Amino acid sequence: MASLFAGAKLYRNGGGQESVSVLEGKTLGIYFSAHWCPPCRAFTPLLKDFYDELVEENAPFEIVFMSSDKDEATLKKYLEEVHGDWYYIGRRDKVIG
């Protein structure tokens, strides 16, 4: 599954850029969401709590956030407000196609 992200820039919320190799051997959750989406904004804190529990248990699980926000500033605001310390793909990075 990590090969799906080959060539993309992967970032850690609250940290810097990472190699996609950090995803190898882990179960991945791919989360499509946006700051402008009310149901997403309600669900994201629940996902963060779930993710934090798995991290605490050292589970081999990662989330990669795929933003549908229109610009990088809105993406960053959303990450700061309610997201966990999971990975995300920058707005300008192509993943598929």
PDB file of N, CA and C in Angstrom:
ATOM      1  N   MET A   1       0.806  -1.193   0.000  1.00  0.00           N
ATOM      2  CA  MET A   1       0.000   0.000   0.000  1.00  0.00           C
ATOM      3  C   MET A   1       0.858   1.270   0.000  1.00  0.00           C
ATOM      4  N   ALA A   2       2.014   1.233   0.635  1.00  0.00           N
ATOM      5  CA  ALA A   2       2.884   2.402   0.661  1.00  0.00           C
ATOM      6  C   ALA A   2       3.282   2.826  -0.744  1.00  0.00           C
ATOM      7  N   SER A   3       3.320   1.868  -1.680  1.00  0.00           N
ATOM      8  CA  SER A   3       3.697   2.200  -3.054  1.00  0.00           C
ATOM      9  C   SER A   3       2.669   3.128  -3.701  1.00  0.00           C
ATOM     10  N   LEU A   4       1.454   3.157  -3.199  1.00  0.00           N
ATOM     11  CA  LEU A   4       0.433   4.074  -3.702  1.00  0.00           C
ATOM     12  C   LEU A   4       0.904   5.518  -3.589  1.00  0.00           C
ATOM     13  N   PHE A   5       1.711   5.803  -2.582  1.00  0.00           N
ATOM     14  CA  PHE A   5       2.171   7.161  -2.324  1.00  0.00           C
ATOM     15  C   PHE A   5       3.559   7.450  -2.891  1.00  0.00           C
ATOM     16  N   ALA A   6       4.111   6.526  -3.656  1.00  0.00           N
ATOM     17  CA  ALA A   6       5.448   6.725  -4.237  1.00  0.00           C
ATOM     18  C   ALA A   6       5.469   8.019  -5.050  1.00  0.00           C
ATOM     19  N   GLY A   7       6.443   8.841  -4.806  1.00  0.00           N
ATOM     20  CA  GLY A   7       6.586  10.098  -5.526  1.00  0.00           C
ATOM     21  C   GLY A   7       5.875  11.272  -4.880  1.00  0.00           C
ATOM     22  N   ALA A   8       5.029  11.016  -3.899  1.00  0.00           N
ATOM     23  CA  ALA A   8       4.320  12.100  -3.210  1.00  0.00           C
ATOM     24  C   ALA A   8       5.160  12.592  -2.036  1.00  0.00           C
ATOM     25  N   LYS A   9       4.906  13.813  -1.622  1.00  0.00           N
ATOM     26  CA  LYS A   9       5.564  14.351  -0.436  1.00  0.00           C
ATOM     27  C   LYS A   9       4.656  14.062   0.754  1.00  0.00           C
ATOM     28  N   LEU A  10       5.191  13.353   1.705  1.00  0.00           N
ATOM     29  CA  LEU A  10       4.452  12.947   2.893  1.00  0.00           C
ATOM     30  C   LEU A  10       4.948  13.779   4.067  1.00  0.00           C
ATOM     31  N   TYR A  11       4.017  14.353   4.804  1.00  0.00           N
ATOM     32  CA  TYR A  11       4.357  15.199   5.944  1.00  0.00           C
ATOM     33  C   TYR A  11       3.708  14.638   7.203  1.00  0.00           C
ATOM     34  N   ARG A  12       4.341  14.877   8.338  1.00  0.00           N
ATOM     35  CA  ARG A  12       3.767  14.505   9.633  1.00  0.00           C
ATOM     36  C   ARG A  12       3.174  15.772  10.228  1.00  0.00           C
ATOM     37  N   ASN A  13       1.917  15.699  10.660  1.00  0.00           N
ATOM     38  CA  ASN A  13       1.314  16.845  11.321  1.00  0.00           C
ATOM     39  C   ASN A  13       2.131  17.153  12.570  1.00  0.00           C
ATOM     40  N   GLY A  14       2.580  18.377  12.691  1.00  0.00           N
ATOM     41  CA  GLY A  14       3.403  18.770  13.818  1.00  0.00           C
ATOM     42  C   GLY A  14       4.885  18.497  13.594  1.00  0.00           C
ATOM     43  N   GLY A  15       5.252  18.023  12.412  1.00  0.00           N
ATOM     44  CA  GLY A  15       6.653  17.715  12.117  1.00  0.00           C
ATOM     45  C   GLY A  15       6.992  18.033  10.683  1.00  0.00           C
ATOM     46  N   GLY A  16       8.048  17.457  10.203  1.00  0.00           N
ATOM     47  CA  GLY A  16       8.523  17.751   8.853  1.00  0.00           C
ATOM     48  C   GLY A  16       8.131  16.705   7.830  1.00  0.00           C
ATOM     49  N   GLN A  17       8.821  16.772   6.712  1.00  0.00           N
ATOM     50  CA  GLN A  17       8.580  15.840   5.615  1.00  0.00           C
ATOM     51  C   GLN A  17       9.181  14.480   5.937  1.00  0.00           C
ATOM     52  N   GLU A  18       8.518  13.420   5.487  1.00  0.00           N
ATOM     53  CA  GLU A  18       8.946  12.051   5.749  1.00  0.00           C
ATOM     54  C   GLU A  18       9.038  11.279   4.435  1.00  0.00           C
ATOM     55  N   SER A  19       9.790  10.217   4.454  1.00  0.00           N
ATOM     56  CA  SER A  19       9.832   9.289   3.332  1.00  0.00           C
ATOM     57  C   SER A  19       8.623   8.369   3.430  1.00  0.00           C
ATOM     58  N   VAL A  20       8.060   7.981   2.291  1.00  0.00           N
ATOM     59  CA  VAL A  20       6.915   7.073   2.318  1.00  0.00           C
ATOM     60  C   VAL A  20       7.294   5.712   2.890  1.00  0.00           C
ATOM     61  N   SER A  21       8.556   5.448   3.051  1.00  0.00           N
ATOM     62  CA  SER A  21       8.985   4.169   3.622  1.00  0.00           C
ATOM     63  C   SER A  21       8.500   3.998   5.062  1.00  0.00           C
ATOM     64  N   VAL A  22       8.131   5.095   5.754  1.00  0.00           N
ATOM     65  CA  VAL A  22       7.623   4.991   7.129  1.00  0.00           C
ATOM     66  C   VAL A  22       6.278   4.272   7.172  1.00  0.00           C
ATOM     67  N   LEU A  23       5.638   4.112   6.008  1.00  0.00           N
ATOM     68  CA  LEU A  23       4.333   3.455   5.950  1.00  0.00           C
ATOM     69  C   LEU A  23       4.436   1.954   5.732  1.00  0.00           C
ATOM     70  N   GLU A  24       5.604   1.491   5.332  1.00  0.00           N
ATOM     71  CA  GLU A  24       5.765   0.076   4.998  1.00  0.00           C
ATOM     72  C   GLU A  24       5.524  -0.811   6.209  1.00  0.00           C
ATOM     73  N   GLY A  25       4.789  -1.895   5.978  1.00  0.00           N
ATOM     74  CA  GLY A  25       4.508  -2.860   7.030  1.00  0.00           C
ATOM     75  C   GLY A  25       3.418  -2.438   7.996  1.00  0.00           C
ATOM     76  N   LYS A  26       2.737  -1.342   7.704  1.00  0.00           N
ATOM     77  CA  LYS A  26       1.686  -0.859   8.599  1.00  0.00           C
ATOM     78  C   LYS A  26       0.331  -0.928   7.905  1.00  0.00           C
ATOM     79  N   THR A  27      -0.687  -1.065   8.712  1.00  0.00           N
ATOM     80  CA  THR A  27      -2.042  -0.941   8.213  1.00  0.00           C
ATOM     81  C   THR A  27      -2.315   0.547   8.049  1.00  0.00           C
ATOM     82  N   LEU A  28      -2.842   0.927   6.889  1.00  0.00           N
ATOM     83  CA  LEU A  28      -3.068   2.344   6.613  1.00  0.00           C
ATOM     84  C   LEU A  28      -4.549   2.679   6.598  1.00  0.00           C
ATOM     85  N   GLY A  29      -4.860   3.805   7.183  1.00  0.00           N
ATOM     86  CA  GLY A  29      -6.168   4.417   7.037  1.00  0.00           C
ATOM     87  C   GLY A  29      -5.972   5.650   6.190  1.00  0.00           C
ATOM     88  N   ILE A  30      -6.678   5.741   5.086  1.00  0.00           N
ATOM     89  CA  ILE A  30      -6.602   6.916   4.230  1.00  0.00           C
ATOM     90  C   ILE A  30      -7.850   7.740   4.494  1.00  0.00           C
ATOM     91  N   TYR A  31      -7.634   8.954   4.966  1.00  0.00           N
ATOM     92  CA  TYR A  31      -8.736   9.801   5.424  1.00  0.00           C
ATOM     93  C   TYR A  31      -8.903  10.991   4.494  1.00  0.00           C
ATOM     94  N   PHE A  32     -10.022  11.027   3.778  1.00  0.00           N
ATOM     95  CA  PHE A  32     -10.372  12.137   2.901  1.00  0.00           C
ATOM     96  C   PHE A  32     -11.295  13.063   3.689  1.00  0.00           C
ATOM     97  N   SER A  33     -10.920  14.331   3.793  1.00  0.00           N
ATOM     98  CA  SER A  33     -11.679  15.262   4.610  1.00  0.00           C
ATOM     99  C   SER A  33     -11.350  16.684   4.188  1.00  0.00           C
ATOM    100  N   ALA A  34     -12.076  17.643   4.753  1.00  0.00           N
ATOM    101  CA  ALA A  34     -11.824  19.057   4.469  1.00  0.00           C
ATOM    102  C   ALA A  34     -12.349  19.918   5.601  1.00  0.00           C
ATOM    103  N   HIS A  35     -11.710  21.055   5.792  1.00  0.00           N
ATOM    104  CA  HIS A  35     -12.091  22.019   6.815  1.00  0.00           C
ATOM    105  C   HIS A  35     -13.506  22.535   6.588  1.00  0.00           C
ATOM    106  N   TRP A  36     -13.915  22.692   5.358  1.00  0.00           N
ATOM    107  CA  TRP A  36     -15.225  23.252   5.015  1.00  0.00           C
ATOM    108  C   TRP A  36     -16.375  22.256   5.193  1.00  0.00           C
ATOM    109  N   CYS A  37     -16.094  20.991   5.503  1.00  0.00           N
ATOM    110  CA  CYS A  37     -17.100  19.933   5.553  1.00  0.00           C
ATOM    111  C   CYS A  37     -17.565  19.705   7.004  1.00  0.00           C
ATOM    112  N   PRO A  38     -18.786  20.133   7.376  1.00  0.00           N
ATOM    113  CA  PRO A  38     -19.254  19.962   8.760  1.00  0.00           C
ATOM    114  C   PRO A  38     -19.235  18.513   9.267  1.00  0.00           C
ATOM    115  N   PRO A  39     -19.699  17.505   8.496  1.00  0.00           N
ATOM    116  CA  PRO A  39     -19.619  16.136   9.017  1.00  0.00           C
ATOM    117  C   PRO A  39     -18.170  15.684   9.255  1.00  0.00           C
ATOM    118  N   CYS A  40     -17.264  16.135   8.390  1.00  0.00           N
ATOM    119  CA  CYS A  40     -15.844  15.794   8.568  1.00  0.00           C
ATOM    120  C   CYS A  40     -15.309  16.419   9.848  1.00  0.00           C
ATOM    121  N   ARG A  41     -15.659  17.666  10.078  1.00  0.00           N
ATOM    122  CA  ARG A  41     -15.176  18.360  11.272  1.00  0.00           C
ATOM    123  C   ARG A  41     -15.707  17.720  12.548  1.00  0.00           C
ATOM    124  N   ALA A  42     -16.878  17.092  12.468  1.00  0.00           N
ATOM    125  CA  ALA A  42     -17.421  16.383  13.625  1.00  0.00           C
ATOM    126  C   ALA A  42     -16.725  15.039  13.830  1.00  0.00           C
ATOM    127  N   PHE A  43     -16.354  14.374  12.732  1.00  0.00           N
ATOM    128  CA  PHE A  43     -15.749  13.047  12.816  1.00  0.00           C
ATOM    129  C   PHE A  43     -14.256  13.087  13.153  1.00  0.00           C
ATOM    130  N   THR A  44     -13.545  14.097  12.694  1.00  0.00           N
ATOM    131  CA  THR A  44     -12.089  14.147  12.852  1.00  0.00           C
ATOM    132  C   THR A  44     -11.631  14.020  14.308  1.00  0.00           C
ATOM    133  N   PRO A  45     -12.237  14.698  15.282  1.00  0.00           N
ATOM    134  CA  PRO A  45     -11.800  14.501  16.674  1.00  0.00           C
ATOM    135  C   PRO A  45     -11.983  13.065  17.167  1.00  0.00           C
ATOM    136  N   LEU A  46     -13.027  12.389  16.683  1.00  0.00           N
ATOM    137  CA  LEU A  46     -13.230  10.988  17.056  1.00  0.00           C
ATOM    138  C   LEU A  46     -12.125  10.115  16.478  1.00  0.00           C
ATOM    139  N   LEU A  47     -11.761  10.383  15.226  1.00  0.00           N
ATOM    140  CA  LEU A  47     -10.674   9.647  14.594  1.00  0.00           C
ATOM    141  C   LEU A  47      -9.360   9.908  15.317  1.00  0.00           C
ATOM    142  N   LYS A  48      -9.139  11.137  15.729  1.00  0.00           N
ATOM    143  CA  LYS A  48      -7.918  11.480  16.478  1.00  0.00           C
ATOM    144  C   LYS A  48      -7.833  10.666  17.761  1.00  0.00           C
ATOM    145  N   ASP A  49      -8.936  10.572  18.510  1.00  0.00           N
ATOM    146  CA  ASP A  49      -8.941   9.795  19.750  1.00  0.00           C
ATOM    147  C   ASP A  49      -8.631   8.322  19.477  1.00  0.00           C
ATOM    148  N   PHE A  50      -9.241   7.776  18.424  1.00  0.00           N
ATOM    149  CA  PHE A  50      -8.989   6.383  18.033  1.00  0.00           C
ATOM    150  C   PHE A  50      -7.516   6.189  17.672  1.00  0.00           C
ATOM    151  N   TYR A  51      -6.978   7.091  16.873  1.00  0.00           N
ATOM    152  CA  TYR A  51      -5.571   7.028  16.463  1.00  0.00           C
ATOM    153  C   TYR A  51      -4.655   7.103  17.683  1.00  0.00           C
ATOM    154  N   ASP A  52      -4.935   8.028  18.582  1.00  0.00           N
ATOM    155  CA  ASP A  52      -4.101   8.180  19.785  1.00  0.00           C
ATOM    156  C   ASP A  52      -4.092   6.906  20.626  1.00  0.00           C
ATOM    157  N   GLU A  53      -5.234   6.224  20.719  1.00  0.00           N
ATOM    158  CA  GLU A  53      -5.291   4.956  21.447  1.00  0.00           C
ATOM    159  C   GLU A  53      -4.407   3.902  20.786  1.00  0.00           C
ATOM    160  N   LEU A  54      -4.457   3.827  19.462  1.00  0.00           N
ATOM    161  CA  LEU A  54      -3.624   2.846  18.746  1.00  0.00           C
ATOM    162  C   LEU A  54      -2.140   3.157  18.898  1.00  0.00           C
ATOM    163  N   VAL A  55      -1.787   4.422  18.839  1.00  0.00           N
ATOM    164  CA  VAL A  55      -0.383   4.820  19.018  1.00  0.00           C
ATOM    165  C   VAL A  55       0.086   4.433  20.418  1.00  0.00           C
ATOM    166  N   GLU A  56      -0.758   4.663  21.406  1.00  0.00           N
ATOM    167  CA  GLU A  56      -0.420   4.315  22.793  1.00  0.00           C
ATOM    168  C   GLU A  56      -0.176   2.812  22.955  1.00  0.00           C
ATOM    169  N   GLU A  57      -0.888   2.009  22.160  1.00  0.00           N
ATOM    170  CA  GLU A  57      -0.733   0.553  22.195  1.00  0.00           C
ATOM    171  C   GLU A  57       0.365   0.055  21.251  1.00  0.00           C
ATOM    172  N   ASN A  58       1.081   0.974  20.611  1.00  0.00           N
ATOM    173  CA  ASN A  58       2.139   0.639  19.645  1.00  0.00           C
ATOM    174  C   ASN A  58       1.629  -0.225  18.489  1.00  0.00           C
ATOM    175  N   ALA A  59       0.403   0.001  18.071  1.00  0.00           N
ATOM    176  CA  ALA A  59      -0.174  -0.738  16.942  1.00  0.00           C
ATOM    177  C   ALA A  59       0.490  -0.288  15.640  1.00  0.00           C
ATOM    178  N   PRO A  60       0.720  -1.219  14.713  1.00  0.00           N
ATOM    179  CA  PRO A  60       1.332  -0.860  13.422  1.00  0.00           C
ATOM    180  C   PRO A  60       0.277  -0.246  12.489  1.00  0.00           C
ATOM    181  N   PHE A  61      -0.160   0.955  12.812  1.00  0.00           N
ATOM    182  CA  PHE A  61      -1.249   1.615  12.097  1.00  0.00           C
ATOM    183  C   PHE A  61      -0.878   3.071  11.860  1.00  0.00           C
ATOM    184  N   GLU A  62      -1.167   3.566  10.678  1.00  0.00           N
ATOM    185  CA  GLU A  62      -0.960   4.978  10.364  1.00  0.00           C
ATOM    186  C   GLU A  62      -2.144   5.495   9.577  1.00  0.00           C
ATOM    187  N   ILE A  63      -2.378   6.781   9.698  1.00  0.00           N
ATOM    188  CA  ILE A  63      -3.384   7.472   8.908  1.00  0.00           C
ATOM    189  C   ILE A  63      -2.660   8.421   7.966  1.00  0.00           C
ATOM    190  N   VAL A  64      -3.121   8.455   6.722  1.00  0.00           N
ATOM    191  CA  VAL A  64      -2.659   9.444   5.765  1.00  0.00           C
ATOM    192  C   VAL A  64      -3.875  10.288   5.395  1.00  0.00           C
ATOM    193  N   PHE A  65      -3.791  11.565   5.693  1.00  0.00           N
ATOM    194  CA  PHE A  65      -4.875  12.503   5.432  1.00  0.00           C
ATOM    195  C   PHE A  65      -4.743  13.073   4.031  1.00  0.00           C
ATOM    196  N   MET A  66      -5.837  13.020   3.302  1.00  0.00           N
ATOM    197  CA  MET A  66      -5.910  13.575   1.951  1.00  0.00           C
ATOM    198  C   MET A  66      -6.901  14.732   2.004  1.00  0.00           C
ATOM    199  N   SER A  67      -6.405  15.938   1.876  1.00  0.00           N
ATOM    200  CA  SER A  67      -7.237  17.125   2.029  1.00  0.00           C
ATOM    201  C   SER A  67      -8.015  17.461   0.762  1.00  0.00           C
ATOM    202  N   SER A  68      -9.251  17.880   0.974  1.00  0.00           N
ATOM    203  CA  SER A  68     -10.058  18.436  -0.113  1.00  0.00           C
ATOM    204  C   SER A  68     -10.209  19.946   0.065  1.00  0.00           C
ATOM    205  N   ASP A  69      -9.363  20.516   0.901  1.00  0.00           N
ATOM    206  CA  ASP A  69      -9.389  21.969   1.078  1.00  0.00           C
ATOM    207  C   ASP A  69      -8.832  22.649  -0.162  1.00  0.00           C
ATOM    208  N   LYS A  70      -9.239  23.882  -0.358  1.00  0.00           N
ATOM    209  CA  LYS A  70      -8.889  24.588  -1.592  1.00  0.00           C
ATOM    210  C   LYS A  70      -7.494  25.190  -1.586  1.00  0.00           C
ATOM    211  N   ASP A  71      -6.900  25.357  -0.418  1.00  0.00           N
ATOM    212  CA  ASP A  71      -5.557  25.943  -0.376  1.00  0.00           C
ATOM    213  C   ASP A  71      -4.783  25.416   0.833  1.00  0.00           C
ATOM    214  N   GLU A  72      -3.487  25.636   0.791  1.00  0.00           N
ATOM    215  CA  GLU A  72      -2.581  25.140   1.821  1.00  0.00           C
ATOM    216  C   GLU A  72      -2.863  25.776   3.182  1.00  0.00           C
ATOM    217  N   ALA A  73      -3.233  27.060   3.207  1.00  0.00           N
ATOM    218  CA  ALA A  73      -3.498  27.751   4.477  1.00  0.00           C
ATOM    219  C   ALA A  73      -4.691  27.128   5.209  1.00  0.00           C
ATOM    220  N   THR A  74      -5.737  26.793   4.474  1.00  0.00           N
ATOM    221  CA  THR A  74      -6.910  26.162   5.091  1.00  0.00           C
ATOM    222  C   THR A  74      -6.579  24.764   5.574  1.00  0.00           C
ATOM    223  N   LEU A  75      -5.807  24.042   4.788  1.00  0.00           N
ATOM    224  CA  LEU A  75      -5.336  22.710   5.198  1.00  0.00           C
ATOM    225  C   LEU A  75      -4.586  22.807   6.520  1.00  0.00           C
ATOM    226  N   LYS A  76      -3.644  23.719   6.615  1.00  0.00           N
ATOM    227  CA  LYS A  76      -2.823  23.853   7.833  1.00  0.00           C
ATOM    228  C   LYS A  76      -3.684  24.247   9.037  1.00  0.00           C
ATOM    229  N   LYS A  77      -4.670  25.118   8.814  1.00  0.00           N
ATOM    230  CA  LYS A  77      -5.557  25.512   9.909  1.00  0.00           C
ATOM    231  C   LYS A  77      -6.319  24.298  10.435  1.00  0.00           C
ATOM    232  N   TYR A  78      -6.830  23.491   9.533  1.00  0.00           N
ATOM    233  CA  TYR A  78      -7.571  22.281   9.904  1.00  0.00           C
ATOM    234  C   TYR A  78      -6.670  21.313  10.672  1.00  0.00           C
ATOM    235  N   LEU A  79      -5.441  21.142  10.199  1.00  0.00           N
ATOM    236  CA  LEU A  79      -4.491  20.261  10.887  1.00  0.00           C
ATOM    237  C   LEU A  79      -4.233  20.731  12.315  1.00  0.00           C
ATOM    238  N   GLU A  80      -4.079  22.027  12.487  1.00  0.00           N
ATOM    239  CA  GLU A  80      -3.787  22.588  13.813  1.00  0.00           C
ATOM    240  C   GLU A  80      -4.974  22.488  14.759  1.00  0.00           C
ATOM    241  N   GLU A  81      -6.187  22.613  14.228  1.00  0.00           N
ATOM    242  CA  GLU A  81      -7.374  22.656  15.077  1.00  0.00           C
ATOM    243  C   GLU A  81      -7.726  21.317  15.708  1.00  0.00           C
ATOM    244  N   VAL A  82      -7.822  20.257  14.907  1.00  0.00           N
ATOM    245  CA  VAL A  82      -8.396  19.021  15.440  1.00  0.00           C
ATOM    246  C   VAL A  82      -7.714  17.730  15.009  1.00  0.00           C
ATOM    247  N   HIS A  83      -6.706  17.812  14.197  1.00  0.00           N
ATOM    248  CA  HIS A  83      -6.101  16.579  13.678  1.00  0.00           C
ATOM    249  C   HIS A  83      -5.124  15.955  14.659  1.00  0.00           C
ATOM    250  N   GLY A  84      -4.906  14.653  14.467  1.00  0.00           N
ATOM    251  CA  GLY A  84      -3.893  13.939  15.221  1.00  0.00           C
ATOM    252  C   GLY A  84      -2.525  14.160  14.583  1.00  0.00           C
ATOM    253  N   ASP A  85      -1.527  13.524  15.140  1.00  0.00           N
ATOM    254  CA  ASP A  85      -0.162  13.655  14.617  1.00  0.00           C
ATOM    255  C   ASP A  85       0.091  12.659  13.498  1.00  0.00           C
ATOM    256  N   TRP A  86      -0.904  12.456  12.653  1.00  0.00           N
ATOM    257  CA  TRP A  86      -0.759  11.523  11.550  1.00  0.00           C
ATOM    258  C   TRP A  86      -0.149  12.200  10.339  1.00  0.00           C
ATOM    259  N   TYR A  87       0.011  11.431   9.280  1.00  0.00           N
ATOM    260  CA  TYR A  87       0.629  11.936   8.053  1.00  0.00           C
ATOM    261  C   TYR A  87      -0.408  12.593   7.159  1.00  0.00           C
ATOM    262  N   TYR A  88       0.078  13.454   6.283  1.00  0.00           N
ATOM    263  CA  TYR A  88      -0.796  14.054   5.278  1.00  0.00           C
ATOM    264  C   TYR A  88      -0.007  14.312   4.000  1.00  0.00           C
ATOM    265  N   ILE A  89      -0.744  14.438   2.934  1.00  0.00           N
ATOM    266  CA  ILE A  89      -0.182  14.762   1.625  1.00  0.00           C
ATOM    267  C   ILE A  89      -0.461  16.233   1.381  1.00  0.00           C
ATOM    268  N   GLY A  90       0.548  16.981   0.971  1.00  0.00           N
ATOM    269  CA  GLY A  90       0.364  18.409   0.699  1.00  0.00           C
ATOM    270  C   GLY A  90      -0.617  18.642  -0.448  1.00  0.00           C
ATOM    271  N   ARG A  91      -1.243  19.771  -0.473  1.00  0.00           N
ATOM    272  CA  ARG A  91      -2.271  20.101  -1.470  1.00  0.00           C
ATOM    273  C   ARG A  91      -1.745  20.024  -2.903  1.00  0.00           C
ATOM    274  N   ARG A  92      -0.512  20.323  -3.141  1.00  0.00           N
ATOM    275  CA  ARG A  92       0.006  20.352  -4.509  1.00  0.00           C
ATOM    276  C   ARG A  92       0.566  19.024  -4.985  1.00  0.00           C
ATOM    277  N   ASP A  93       0.633  18.042  -4.107  1.00  0.00           N
ATOM    278  CA  ASP A  93       1.229  16.760  -4.467  1.00  0.00           C
ATOM    279  C   ASP A  93       0.226  15.855  -5.145  1.00  0.00           C
ATOM    280  N   LYS A  94       0.645  15.279  -6.252  1.00  0.00           N
ATOM    281  CA  LYS A  94      -0.192  14.302  -6.942  1.00  0.00           C
ATOM    282  C   LYS A  94       0.112  12.928  -6.385  1.00  0.00           C
ATOM    283  N   VAL A  95      -0.921  12.171  -6.120  1.00  0.00           N
ATOM    284  CA  VAL A  95      -0.721  10.818  -5.625  1.00  0.00           C
ATOM    285  C   VAL A  95      -1.092   9.816  -6.706  1.00  0.00           C
ATOM    286  N   ILE A  96      -2.242   9.993  -7.290  1.00  0.00           N
ATOM    287  CA  ILE A  96      -2.720   9.060  -8.308  1.00  0.00           C
ATOM    288  C   ILE A  96      -2.892   9.819  -9.622  1.00  0.00           C
ATOM    289  N   GLY A  97      -2.385   9.248 -10.697  1.00  0.00           N
ATOM    290  CA  GLY A  97      -2.614   9.833 -12.014  1.00  0.00           C
ATOM    291  C   GLY A  97      -1.590  10.684 -12.529  1.00  0.00           C
TER     292      GLY A  97
END
